[in-house]
C-alpha atoms as a PDB file:
ATOM      1  CA  MET A   1      21.925  74.923 -30.871  1.00  0.00           C
ATOM      2  CA  ALA A   2      18.585  73.479 -31.155  1.00  0.00           C
ATOM      3  CA  THR A   3      15.315  73.010 -29.085  1.00  0.00           C
ATOM      4  CA  VAL A   4      14.371  69.519 -28.646  1.00  0.00           C
ATOM      5  CA  ALA A   5      12.218  66.790 -27.056  1.00  0.00           C
ATOM      6  CA  PHE A   6      13.070  63.698 -26.339  1.00  0.00           C
ATOM      7  CA  LEU A   7       9.960  61.096 -25.953  1.00  0.00           C
ATOM      8  CA  GLY A   8      11.315  57.694 -24.131  1.00  0.00           C
ATOM      9  CA  LEU A   9      14.041  57.322 -21.696  1.00  0.00           C
ATOM     10  CA  GLY A  10      14.699  53.507 -21.838  1.00  0.00           C
ATOM     11  CA  VAL A  11      18.332  51.962 -21.959  1.00  0.00           C
ATOM     12  CA  MET A  12      18.485  53.793 -25.116  1.00  0.00           C
ATOM     13  CA  GLY A  13      16.422  56.956 -24.956  1.00  0.00           C
ATOM     14  CA  TYR A  14      18.007  58.216 -21.818  1.00  0.00           C
ATOM     15  CA  PRO A  15      21.879  58.223 -22.935  1.00  0.00           C
ATOM     16  CA  MET A  16      20.561  59.571 -26.251  1.00  0.00           C
ATOM     17  CA  ALA A  17      18.947  62.434 -24.928  1.00  0.00           C
ATOM     18  CA  GLY A  18      22.081  62.949 -22.403  1.00  0.00           C
ATOM     19  CA  HIS A  19      24.063  63.590 -25.501  1.00  0.00           C
ATOM     20  CA  LEU A  20      21.820  66.281 -26.665  1.00  0.00           C
ATOM     21  CA  ALA A  21      22.201  67.985 -23.671  1.00  0.00           C
ATOM     22  CA  ALA A  22      25.744  67.637 -23.703  1.00  0.00           C
ATOM     23  CA  ALA A  23      26.104  69.083 -27.422  1.00  0.00           C
ATOM     24  CA  GLU A  24      24.084  71.953 -25.536  1.00  0.00           C
ATOM     25  CA  HIS A  25      21.178  71.855 -27.099  1.00  0.00           C
ATOM     26  CA  SER A  26      18.223  72.807 -25.180  1.00  0.00           C
ATOM     27  CA  VAL A  27      16.199  69.517 -24.112  1.00  0.00           C
ATOM     28  CA  THR A  28      12.842  68.959 -22.880  1.00  0.00           C
ATOM     29  CA  VAL A  29      11.901  64.844 -22.325  1.00  0.00           C
ATOM     30  CA  PHE A  30       9.002  63.114 -21.660  1.00  0.00           C
ATOM     31  CA  ASN A  31       8.770  59.518 -20.087  1.00  0.00           C
ATOM     32  CA  ARG A  32       5.766  57.323 -19.094  1.00  0.00           C
ATOM     33  CA  THR A  33       7.363  57.169 -15.694  1.00  0.00           C
ATOM     34  CA  PRO A  34       7.565  60.666 -14.706  1.00  0.00           C
ATOM     35  CA  ALA A  35       9.969  60.314 -12.095  1.00  0.00           C
ATOM     36  CA  LYS A  36      12.559  58.797 -14.427  1.00  0.00           C
ATOM     37  CA  ALA A  37      12.168  62.154 -16.780  1.00  0.00           C
ATOM     38  CA  GLN A  38      12.342  64.051 -13.700  1.00  0.00           C
ATOM     39  CA  THR A  39      15.903  62.491 -12.530  1.00  0.00           C
ATOM     40  CA  TRP A  40      16.717  62.807 -16.272  1.00  0.00           C
ATOM     41  CA  ALA A  41      16.220  66.579 -15.964  1.00  0.00           C
ATOM     42  CA  ASP A  42      17.627  66.976 -12.823  1.00  0.00           C
ATOM     43  CA  THR A  43      21.163  65.369 -13.864  1.00  0.00           C
ATOM     44  CA  HIS A  44      21.397  66.807 -17.281  1.00  0.00           C
ATOM     45  CA  LYS A  45      19.859  70.741 -16.629  1.00  0.00           C
ATOM     46  CA  GLY A  46      17.128  69.983 -18.867  1.00  0.00           C
ATOM     47  CA  ALA A  47      13.290  69.988 -18.156  1.00  0.00           C
ATOM     48  CA  ALA A  48      10.820  67.438 -18.066  1.00  0.00           C
ATOM     49  CA  GLN A  49       7.165  67.750 -18.885  1.00  0.00           C
ATOM     50  CA  PRO A  50       4.095  65.155 -18.538  1.00  0.00           C
ATOM     51  CA  THR A  51       2.641  64.889 -22.016  1.00  0.00           C
ATOM     52  CA  PRO A  52       4.437  64.524 -25.421  1.00  0.00           C
ATOM     53  CA  ARG A  53       2.289  67.351 -26.565  1.00  0.00           C
ATOM     54  CA  GLU A  54       3.913  69.985 -23.613  1.00  0.00           C
ATOM     55  CA  ALA A  55       7.332  68.505 -24.091  1.00  0.00           C
ATOM     56  CA  ALA A  56       7.096  69.238 -27.768  1.00  0.00           C
ATOM     57  CA  ALA A  57       5.640  72.747 -27.525  1.00  0.00           C
ATOM     58  CA  GLY A  58       7.741  75.279 -29.087  1.00  0.00           C
ATOM     59  CA  CYS A  59      10.677  72.846 -30.123  1.00  0.00           C
ATOM     60  CA  ASP A  60      12.561  72.877 -33.445  1.00  0.00           C
ATOM     61  CA  PHE A  61      13.146  68.437 -33.193  1.00  0.00           C
ATOM     62  CA  VAL A  62      11.293  66.350 -31.600  1.00  0.00           C
ATOM     63  CA  MET A  63      12.755  62.823 -31.076  1.00  0.00           C
ATOM     64  CA  ALA A  64      11.441  59.400 -29.933  1.00  0.00           C
ATOM     65  CA  CYS A  65      12.498  56.327 -28.939  1.00  0.00           C
ATOM     66  CA  VAL A  66       9.927  53.954 -27.457  1.00  0.00           C
ATOM     67  CA  GLY A  67       8.676  50.336 -27.851  1.00  0.00           C
ATOM     68  CA  ASN A  68       6.468  49.733 -30.770  1.00  0.00           C
ATOM     69  CA  ASP A  69       4.016  50.570 -33.284  1.00  0.00           C
ATOM     70  CA  GLU A  70       1.389  51.358 -30.759  1.00  0.00           C
ATOM     71  CA  ASP A  71       3.376  53.229 -28.639  1.00  0.00           C
ATOM     72  CA  LEU A  72       4.749  55.576 -31.439  1.00  0.00           C
ATOM     73  CA  ARG A  73       1.084  56.010 -31.988  1.00  0.00           C
ATOM     74  CA  SER A  74       0.573  57.101 -28.528  1.00  0.00           C
ATOM     75  CA  VAL A  75       3.301  59.626 -28.174  1.00  0.00           C
ATOM     76  CA  CYS A  76       2.262  60.976 -31.640  1.00  0.00           C
ATOM     77  CA  LEU A  77      -1.584  61.007 -31.857  1.00  0.00           C
ATOM     78  CA  GLY A  78      -4.387  62.327 -29.891  1.00  0.00           C
ATOM     79  CA  GLU A  79      -4.854  65.482 -27.794  1.00  0.00           C
ATOM     80  CA  ASP A  80      -1.637  64.711 -25.719  1.00  0.00           C
ATOM     81  CA  GLY A  81       0.371  63.718 -28.227  1.00  0.00           C
ATOM     82  CA  ALA A  82       3.723  65.254 -29.608  1.00  0.00           C
ATOM     83  CA  PHE A  83       1.969  66.256 -33.206  1.00  0.00           C
ATOM     84  CA  SER A  84      -0.484  68.297 -31.065  1.00  0.00           C
ATOM     85  CA  GLY A  85       1.970  70.488 -29.379  1.00  0.00           C
ATOM     86  CA  MET A  86       4.318  70.824 -32.640  1.00  0.00           C
ATOM     87  CA  SER A  87       4.667  73.965 -34.815  1.00  0.00           C
ATOM     88  CA  LYS A  88       4.321  74.030 -38.376  1.00  0.00           C
ATOM     89  CA  GLY A  89       7.875  73.800 -39.828  1.00  0.00           C
ATOM     90  CA  SER A  90       9.407  71.662 -36.873  1.00  0.00           C
ATOM     91  CA  ILE A  91      10.491  67.652 -37.526  1.00  0.00           C
ATOM     92  CA  PHE A  92       9.837  64.754 -35.998  1.00  0.00           C
ATOM     93  CA  VAL A  93      12.483  62.033 -35.960  1.00  0.00           C
ATOM     94  CA  ASP A  94      11.769  58.642 -34.612  1.00  0.00           C
ATOM     95  CA  HIS A  95      14.352  56.368 -33.318  1.00  0.00           C
ATOM     96  CA  THR A  96      11.930  53.524 -32.789  1.00  0.00           C
ATOM     97  CA  THR A  97      12.405  50.153 -34.952  1.00  0.00           C
ATOM     98  CA  VAL A  98       8.766  50.052 -36.054  1.00  0.00           C
ATOM     99  CA  SER A  99       6.954  48.698 -39.123  1.00  0.00           C
ATOM    100  CA  ALA A 100       7.243  50.985 -42.356  1.00  0.00           C
ATOM    101  CA  LYS A 101       3.535  50.751 -42.441  1.00  0.00           C
ATOM    102  CA  VAL A 102       3.053  53.069 -39.133  1.00  0.00           C
ATOM    103  CA  THR A 103       6.457  55.363 -40.338  1.00  0.00           C
ATOM    104  CA  ARG A 104       4.187  56.239 -43.232  1.00  0.00           C
ATOM    105  CA  GLU A 105       0.942  56.730 -41.810  1.00  0.00           C
ATOM    106  CA  LEU A 106       2.171  59.171 -39.094  1.00  0.00           C
ATOM    107  CA  ALA A 107       4.679  60.613 -41.545  1.00  0.00           C
ATOM    108  CA  SER A 108       1.227  61.390 -43.731  1.00  0.00           C
ATOM    109  CA  VAL A 109      -0.360  62.893 -40.653  1.00  0.00           C
ATOM    110  CA  ALA A 110       2.450  65.035 -40.116  1.00  0.00           C
ATOM    111  CA  ALA A 111       2.661  66.017 -43.611  1.00  0.00           C
ATOM    112  CA  GLU A 112      -0.910  67.201 -43.512  1.00  0.00           C
ATOM    113  CA  MET A 113      -0.157  69.467 -40.089  1.00  0.00           C
ATOM    114  CA  GLY A 114       3.034  70.863 -41.701  1.00  0.00           C
ATOM    115  CA  ILE A 115       5.542  68.970 -39.863  1.00  0.00           C
ATOM    116  CA  GLY A 116       8.660  67.244 -41.086  1.00  0.00           C
ATOM    117  CA  TYR A 117       9.406  63.255 -40.742  1.00  0.00           C
ATOM    118  CA  VAL A 118      12.365  61.684 -40.599  1.00  0.00           C
ATOM    119  CA  ASP A 119      12.644  57.605 -39.328  1.00  0.00           C
ATOM    120  CA  ALA A 120      15.576  56.998 -38.175  1.00  0.00           C
ATOM    121  CA  PRO A 121      16.091  53.656 -36.529  1.00  0.00           C
ATOM    122  CA  VAL A 122      19.544  52.987 -34.830  1.00  0.00           C
ATOM    123  CA  SER A 123      21.794  50.024 -34.199  1.00  0.00           C
ATOM    124  CA  GLY A 124      24.407  49.695 -31.212  1.00  0.00           C
ATOM    125  CA  GLY A 125      22.867  48.818 -28.592  1.00  0.00           C
ATOM    126  CA  GLN A 126      22.962  50.094 -25.123  1.00  0.00           C
ATOM    127  CA  ALA A 127      26.684  50.578 -25.242  1.00  0.00           C
ATOM    128  CA  GLY A 128      26.595  52.765 -28.648  1.00  0.00           C
ATOM    129  CA  ALA A 129      23.729  55.060 -27.170  1.00  0.00           C
ATOM    130  CA  GLU A 130      25.962  55.324 -23.747  1.00  0.00           C
ATOM    131  CA  ASN A 131      29.314  56.103 -25.779  1.00  0.00           C
ATOM    132  CA  GLY A 132      27.437  58.169 -28.536  1.00  0.00           C
ATOM    133  CA  VAL A 133      28.415  55.899 -31.549  1.00  0.00           C
ATOM    134  CA  LEU A 134      25.048  54.599 -32.769  1.00  0.00           C
ATOM    135  CA  SER A 135      24.529  53.820 -36.461  1.00  0.00           C
ATOM    136  CA  VAL A 136      21.609  56.038 -37.462  1.00  0.00           C
ATOM    137  CA  MET A 137      19.881  54.684 -40.583  1.00  0.00           C
ATOM    138  CA  CYS A 138      17.452  57.435 -42.078  1.00  0.00           C
ATOM    139  CA  GLY A 139      14.345  57.878 -44.328  1.00  0.00           C
ATOM    140  CA  GLY A 140      13.073  61.333 -45.266  1.00  0.00           C
ATOM    141  CA  SER A 141      13.107  64.407 -47.554  1.00  0.00           C
ATOM    142  CA  ASP A 142      16.483  65.307 -48.396  1.00  0.00           C
ATOM    143  CA  ALA A 143      15.477  68.638 -46.650  1.00  0.00           C
ATOM    144  CA  ASP A 144      14.178  67.107 -43.612  1.00  0.00           C
ATOM    145  CA  TYR A 145      17.304  64.967 -42.951  1.00  0.00           C
ATOM    146  CA  ALA A 146      19.565  67.764 -44.026  1.00  0.00           C
ATOM    147  CA  ALA A 147      18.169  69.757 -40.875  1.00  0.00           C
ATOM    148  CA  ALA A 148      17.925  66.867 -38.381  1.00  0.00           C
ATOM    149  CA  LYS A 149      21.485  65.268 -39.173  1.00  0.00           C
ATOM    150  CA  PRO A 150      23.437  67.666 -37.269  1.00  0.00           C
ATOM    151  CA  VAL A 151      21.554  67.151 -34.175  1.00  0.00           C
ATOM    152  CA  MET A 152      21.576  63.200 -34.512  1.00  0.00           C
ATOM    153  CA  GLN A 153      25.024  63.501 -35.071  1.00  0.00           C
ATOM    154  CA  ALA A 154      24.917  63.945 -31.318  1.00  0.00           C
ATOM    155  CA  TYR A 155      24.703  60.335 -30.414  1.00  0.00           C
ATOM    156  CA  GLY A 156      25.335  58.870 -34.185  1.00  0.00           C
ATOM    157  CA  LYS A 157      28.631  58.263 -35.395  1.00  0.00           C
ATOM    158  CA  ILE A 158      27.031  57.134 -39.003  1.00  0.00           C
ATOM    159  CA  VAL A 159      24.074  58.991 -39.926  1.00  0.00           C
ATOM    160  CA  LYS A 160      22.804  58.035 -43.658  1.00  0.00           C
ATOM    161  CA  ARG A 161      20.044  58.800 -45.190  1.00  0.00           C
ATOM    162  CA  LEU A 162      18.432  55.782 -47.319  1.00  0.00           C
ATOM    163  CA  GLY A 163      15.687  57.338 -49.426  1.00  0.00           C
ATOM    164  CA  GLU A 164      12.284  58.581 -48.528  1.00  0.00           C
ATOM    165  CA  VAL A 165       9.937  57.928 -45.327  1.00  0.00           C
ATOM    166  CA  GLY A 166      10.368  53.919 -44.429  1.00  0.00           C
ATOM    167  CA  ALA A 167      13.622  53.659 -45.900  1.00  0.00           C
ATOM    168  CA  GLY A 168      14.796  54.077 -42.438  1.00  0.00           C
ATOM    169  CA  GLN A 169      12.875  51.350 -40.908  1.00  0.00           C
ATOM    170  CA  THR A 170      13.622  48.642 -43.933  1.00  0.00           C
ATOM    171  CA  ALA A 171      17.353  49.540 -43.278  1.00  0.00           C
ATOM    172  CA  LYS A 172      17.154  48.277 -39.902  1.00  0.00           C
ATOM    173  CA  MET A 173      14.733  45.342 -40.999  1.00  0.00           C
ATOM    174  CA  CYS A 174      17.955  44.635 -43.040  1.00  0.00           C
ATOM    175  CA  ASN A 175      20.186  44.830 -39.898  1.00  0.00           C
ATOM    176  CA  GLN A 176      18.305  42.502 -37.795  1.00  0.00           C
ATOM    177  CA  ILE A 177      18.138  40.134 -40.432  1.00  0.00           C
ATOM    178  CA  ALA A 178      21.861  40.168 -40.541  1.00  0.00           C
ATOM    179  CA  ILE A 179      22.264  39.819 -36.768  1.00  0.00           C
ATOM    180  CA  ALA A 180      19.658  37.013 -36.648  1.00  0.00           C
ATOM    181  CA  GLY A 181      21.993  34.838 -39.001  1.00  0.00           C
ATOM    182  CA  LEU A 182      25.466  35.964 -37.503  1.00  0.00           C
ATOM    183  CA  VAL A 183      24.262  34.871 -34.096  1.00  0.00           C
ATOM    184  CA  GLN A 184      22.960  31.636 -34.982  1.00  0.00           C
ATOM    185  CA  GLY A 185      26.386  30.790 -36.854  1.00  0.00           C
ATOM    186  CA  LEU A 186      28.371  32.234 -33.818  1.00  0.00           C
ATOM    187  CA  SER A 187      26.226  30.049 -31.532  1.00  0.00           C
ATOM    188  CA  GLU A 188      26.764  26.639 -33.695  1.00  0.00           C
ATOM    189  CA  ALA A 189      30.450  27.054 -34.382  1.00  0.00           C
ATOM    190  CA  LEU A 190      31.095  27.801 -30.104  1.00  0.00           C
ATOM    191  CA  HIS A 191      29.114  24.738 -29.798  1.00  0.00           C
ATOM    192  CA  LEU A 192      30.913  22.761 -32.383  1.00  0.00           C
ATOM    193  CA  ALA A 193      34.182  23.859 -30.911  1.00  0.00           C
ATOM    194  CA  GLU A 194      33.287  23.026 -26.837  1.00  0.00           C
ATOM    195  CA  LYS A 195      31.913  19.563 -28.191  1.00  0.00           C
ATOM    196  CA  SER A 196      35.090  18.922 -29.952  1.00  0.00           C
ATOM    197  CA  GLY A 197      36.961  20.061 -27.174  1.00  0.00           C
ATOM    198  CA  LEU A 198      38.440  23.019 -28.473  1.00  0.00           C
ATOM    199  CA  ASP A 199      39.191  26.008 -25.959  1.00  0.00           C
ATOM    200  CA  GLY A 200      36.281  28.663 -27.780  1.00  0.00           C
ATOM    201  CA  GLU A 201      38.195  31.515 -26.335  1.00  0.00           C
ATOM    202  CA  ALA A 202      41.611  30.570 -28.600  1.00  0.00           C
ATOM    203  CA  LEU A 203      39.067  29.274 -31.534  1.00  0.00           C
ATOM    204  CA  VAL A 204      37.810  33.382 -31.487  1.00  0.00           C
ATOM    205  CA  ASP A 205      41.375  34.386 -31.668  1.00  0.00           C
ATOM    206  CA  VAL A 206      41.801  32.467 -34.514  1.00  0.00           C
ATOM    207  CA  ILE A 207      39.037  33.159 -36.604  1.00  0.00           C
ATOM    208  CA  SER A 208      37.817  36.706 -35.783  1.00  0.00           C
ATOM    209  CA  GLY A 209      40.603  37.992 -37.510  1.00  0.00           C
ATOM    210  CA  GLY A 210      39.899  36.425 -40.964  1.00  0.00           C
ATOM    211  CA  ALA A 211      36.466  36.456 -42.913  1.00  0.00           C
ATOM    212  CA  ALA A 212      34.064  34.743 -40.078  1.00  0.00           C
ATOM    213  CA  GLY A 213      34.946  37.986 -37.914  1.00  0.00           C
ATOM    214  CA  SER A 214      32.069  40.132 -36.783  1.00  0.00           C
ATOM    215  CA  TRP A 215      30.836  42.593 -34.183  1.00  0.00           C
ATOM    216  CA  GLN A 216      28.740  39.715 -32.598  1.00  0.00           C
ATOM    217  CA  MET A 217      31.939  37.552 -32.368  1.00  0.00           C
ATOM    218  CA  VAL A 218      34.092  40.089 -31.193  1.00  0.00           C
ATOM    219  CA  ASN A 219      31.714  41.780 -28.289  1.00  0.00           C
ATOM    220  CA  ARG A 220      29.715  38.418 -27.575  1.00  0.00           C
ATOM    221  CA  HIS A 221      32.122  35.763 -27.251  1.00  0.00           C
ATOM    222  CA  LYS A 222      33.025  35.848 -23.962  1.00  0.00           C
ATOM    223  CA  THR A 223      29.909  36.501 -22.361  1.00  0.00           C
ATOM    224  CA  MET A 224      28.594  32.909 -24.261  1.00  0.00           C
ATOM    225  CA  LEU A 225      31.345  31.044 -23.486  1.00  0.00           C
ATOM    226  CA  ALA A 226      30.501  32.380 -19.573  1.00  0.00           C
ATOM    227  CA  ASP A 227      26.877  31.326 -20.022  1.00  0.00           C
ATOM    228  CA  HIS A 228      25.985  34.908 -18.892  1.00  0.00           C
ATOM    229  CA  TYR A 229      23.099  36.547 -20.957  1.00  0.00           C
ATOM    230  CA  GLU A 230      21.534  39.249 -18.162  1.00  0.00           C
ATOM    231  CA  HIS A 231      22.548  42.225 -20.564  1.00  0.00           C
ATOM    232  CA  GLY A 232      22.327  43.703 -23.705  1.00  0.00           C
ATOM    233  CA  PHE A 233      19.223  43.327 -26.680  1.00  0.00           C
ATOM    234  CA  ALA A 234      16.339  41.325 -24.952  1.00  0.00           C
ATOM    235  CA  VAL A 235      15.068  38.392 -27.161  1.00  0.00           C
ATOM    236  CA  ASP A 236      11.430  39.837 -26.602  1.00  0.00           C
ATOM    237  CA  TRP A 237      12.956  43.027 -28.546  1.00  0.00           C
ATOM    238  CA  MET A 238      14.533  40.556 -31.391  1.00  0.00           C
ATOM    239  CA  ARG A 239      11.286  38.673 -31.874  1.00  0.00           C
ATOM    240  CA  LYS A 240       9.375  41.755 -32.342  1.00  0.00           C
ATOM    241  CA  ASP A 241      11.694  43.374 -34.913  1.00  0.00           C
ATOM    242  CA  LEU A 242      11.671  39.996 -36.397  1.00  0.00           C
ATOM    243  CA  ALA A 243       8.158  39.744 -36.790  1.00  0.00           C
ATOM    244  CA  ILE A 244       8.509  42.974 -38.681  1.00  0.00           C
ATOM    245  CA  CYS A 245      10.905  41.376 -40.612  1.00  0.00           C
ATOM    246  CA  LEU A 246       9.129  38.593 -41.838  1.00  0.00           C
ATOM    247  CA  GLU A 247       5.573  40.806 -42.415  1.00  0.00           C
ATOM    248  CA  ALA A 248       7.433  43.112 -44.868  1.00  0.00           C
ATOM    249  CA  GLY A 249       9.211  40.327 -46.673  1.00  0.00           C
ATOM    250  CA  ASP A 250       5.857  39.015 -47.048  1.00  0.00           C
ATOM    251  CA  ASP A 251       4.609  42.300 -48.337  1.00  0.00           C
ATOM    252  CA  VAL A 252       7.105  42.621 -51.194  1.00  0.00           C
ATOM    253  CA  GLY A 253       7.390  39.239 -52.119  1.00  0.00           C
ATOM    254  CA  ALA A 254      11.056  38.448 -50.321  1.00  0.00           C
ATOM    255  CA  SER A 255      11.969  35.243 -49.081  1.00  0.00           C
ATOM    256  CA  LEU A 256      13.577  34.904 -45.668  1.00  0.00           C
ATOM    257  CA  PRO A 257      14.207  31.311 -44.769  1.00  0.00           C
ATOM    258  CA  VAL A 258      16.543  31.852 -42.556  1.00  0.00           C
ATOM    259  CA  THR A 259      15.058  34.475 -40.495  1.00  0.00           C
ATOM    260  CA  ALA A 260      11.948  32.437 -39.992  1.00  0.00           C
ATOM    261  CA  LEU A 261      13.644  29.698 -38.746  1.00  0.00           C
ATOM    262  CA  VAL A 262      15.576  31.540 -36.180  1.00  0.00           C
ATOM    263  CA  ASP A 263      12.784  33.716 -35.078  1.00  0.00           C
ATOM    264  CA  GLN A 264      11.357  30.235 -33.924  1.00  0.00           C
ATOM    265  CA  PHE A 265      14.637  29.640 -32.342  1.00  0.00           C
ATOM    266  CA  TYR A 266      14.215  32.548 -30.362  1.00  0.00           C
ATOM    267  CA  LYS A 267      10.654  31.373 -29.381  1.00  0.00           C
ATOM    268  CA  ASP A 268      12.484  28.400 -28.272  1.00  0.00           C
ATOM    269  CA  VAL A 269      14.505  30.654 -25.820  1.00  0.00           C
ATOM    270  CA  GLN A 270      11.621  32.298 -24.398  1.00  0.00           C
ATOM    271  CA  LYS A 271       9.806  28.937 -23.622  1.00  0.00           C
ATOM    272  CA  MET A 272      13.314  28.782 -21.474  1.00  0.00           C
ATOM    273  CA  GLY A 273      12.232  31.619 -19.658  1.00  0.00           C
ATOM    274  CA  GLY A 274      14.900  33.908 -21.646  1.00  0.00           C
ATOM    275  CA  GLY A 275      12.676  36.277 -23.018  1.00  0.00           C
ATOM    276  CA  ARG A 276      14.924  39.238 -21.131  1.00  0.00           C
ATOM    277  CA  TRP A 277      18.119  37.752 -22.319  1.00  0.00           C
ATOM    278  CA  ASP A 278      20.552  38.849 -24.449  1.00  0.00           C
ATOM    279  CA  THR A 279      19.968  37.659 -28.155  1.00  0.00           C
ATOM    280  CA  SER A 280      23.273  35.938 -28.212  1.00  0.00           C
ATOM    281  CA  SER A 281      21.520  33.133 -26.018  1.00  0.00           C
ATOM    282  CA  LEU A 282      20.883  30.762 -29.096  1.00  0.00           C
ATOM    283  CA  LEU A 283      23.960  29.009 -27.765  1.00  0.00           C
ATOM    284  CA  LYS A 284      22.058  28.447 -24.621  1.00  0.00           C
ATOM    285  CA  ARG A 285      19.267  26.955 -26.549  1.00  0.00           C
ATOM    286  CA  LEU A 286      21.529  24.725 -28.539  1.00  0.00           C
ATOM    287  CA  LYS A 287      22.856  23.539 -25.121  1.00  0.00           C
ATOM    288  CA  ALA A 288      19.407  22.778 -23.793  1.00  0.00           C
ATOM    289  CA  PHE A 289      18.330  20.631 -26.974  1.00  0.00           C
ATOM    290  CA  ASP A 290      21.408  18.478 -26.881  1.00  0.00           C
END
C-alpha cells in the first residue's frame, strides 16, 4: 500500500480520496477549507494537514483535483506548495482539468526537482467518482504511469496512458468537445419531440438502443424532460473547459466550429442565471429562446 496525499476535496476529490483510503492506502488530505479536510479525515480515518507541503511530505504519490490552472499552480508551487514537501522519486498526479500548457510547465518544474508527473484528468462526473468508476486519461512517462496506475485504479474503471505529459489533458479536451456536441444534439431532439407532440420518454426508449444512443441520453433525458438541472457538471465548469479546448485548437490549427457555437449557447445559459446548472440545461435555453 502507498502513502498518498490528496489535494482538493470538492465533489470529485472527496470521494476519490475516500476510495484510496478504502483501498488501505495511507491518505493525508489538504483542502482550502480546513474543516472539510478534517471531516474527511475523521470519516475515513486518515489525516489532514493545513498546507499542501505538509500533506505531501513523505508521500509516495500526491494527487490533486482542484479548480483551474491558477489553483493548480497554487497547490504545487511556492514555500507551502506540494512540490516543496515532496521527495525525489515521488510522483505528482494531477486529476484537474487544466490546460496542457500549465501541465507541461509544472511537469518541467517537477522534473528539475526529481519528481515524476502524470496528468490524469477524469471523466464520469460526481456519480463516477462516488462509485469508483471514473475514466482516467493519462499523460506521462511509461515509468511514472506504471507506478501510479495501481493507485488510480482505486477510483478508475478505465485508466489509460495516451502519451507523454500533456496527452491526458488533450484527451480530456476531446472528451469535453464530444460531450458538448452530444448534449446540444440531444437537446434539439427532445425540443423537436415536444413541439411535435411526441412523448419524450417514449422517444428515448426507441432511439437510445440505436445509433443515436449515448451516455448523455441514458443518464440525462429524464431530468431534462422534468426541467430539473440542479445537479451534475456545472455550466460554469464546462465553459472553463471549452475555453481550454478552443485555445488548444487555435494553437494546433484545429477547426472547432461546433465547440465554439455550443460555448456561446452555454454563455446564454449563464446569462439566464444557470451557471451552476447541469450542462444538459441547453434544452432550457432552447425553450427560453422559442
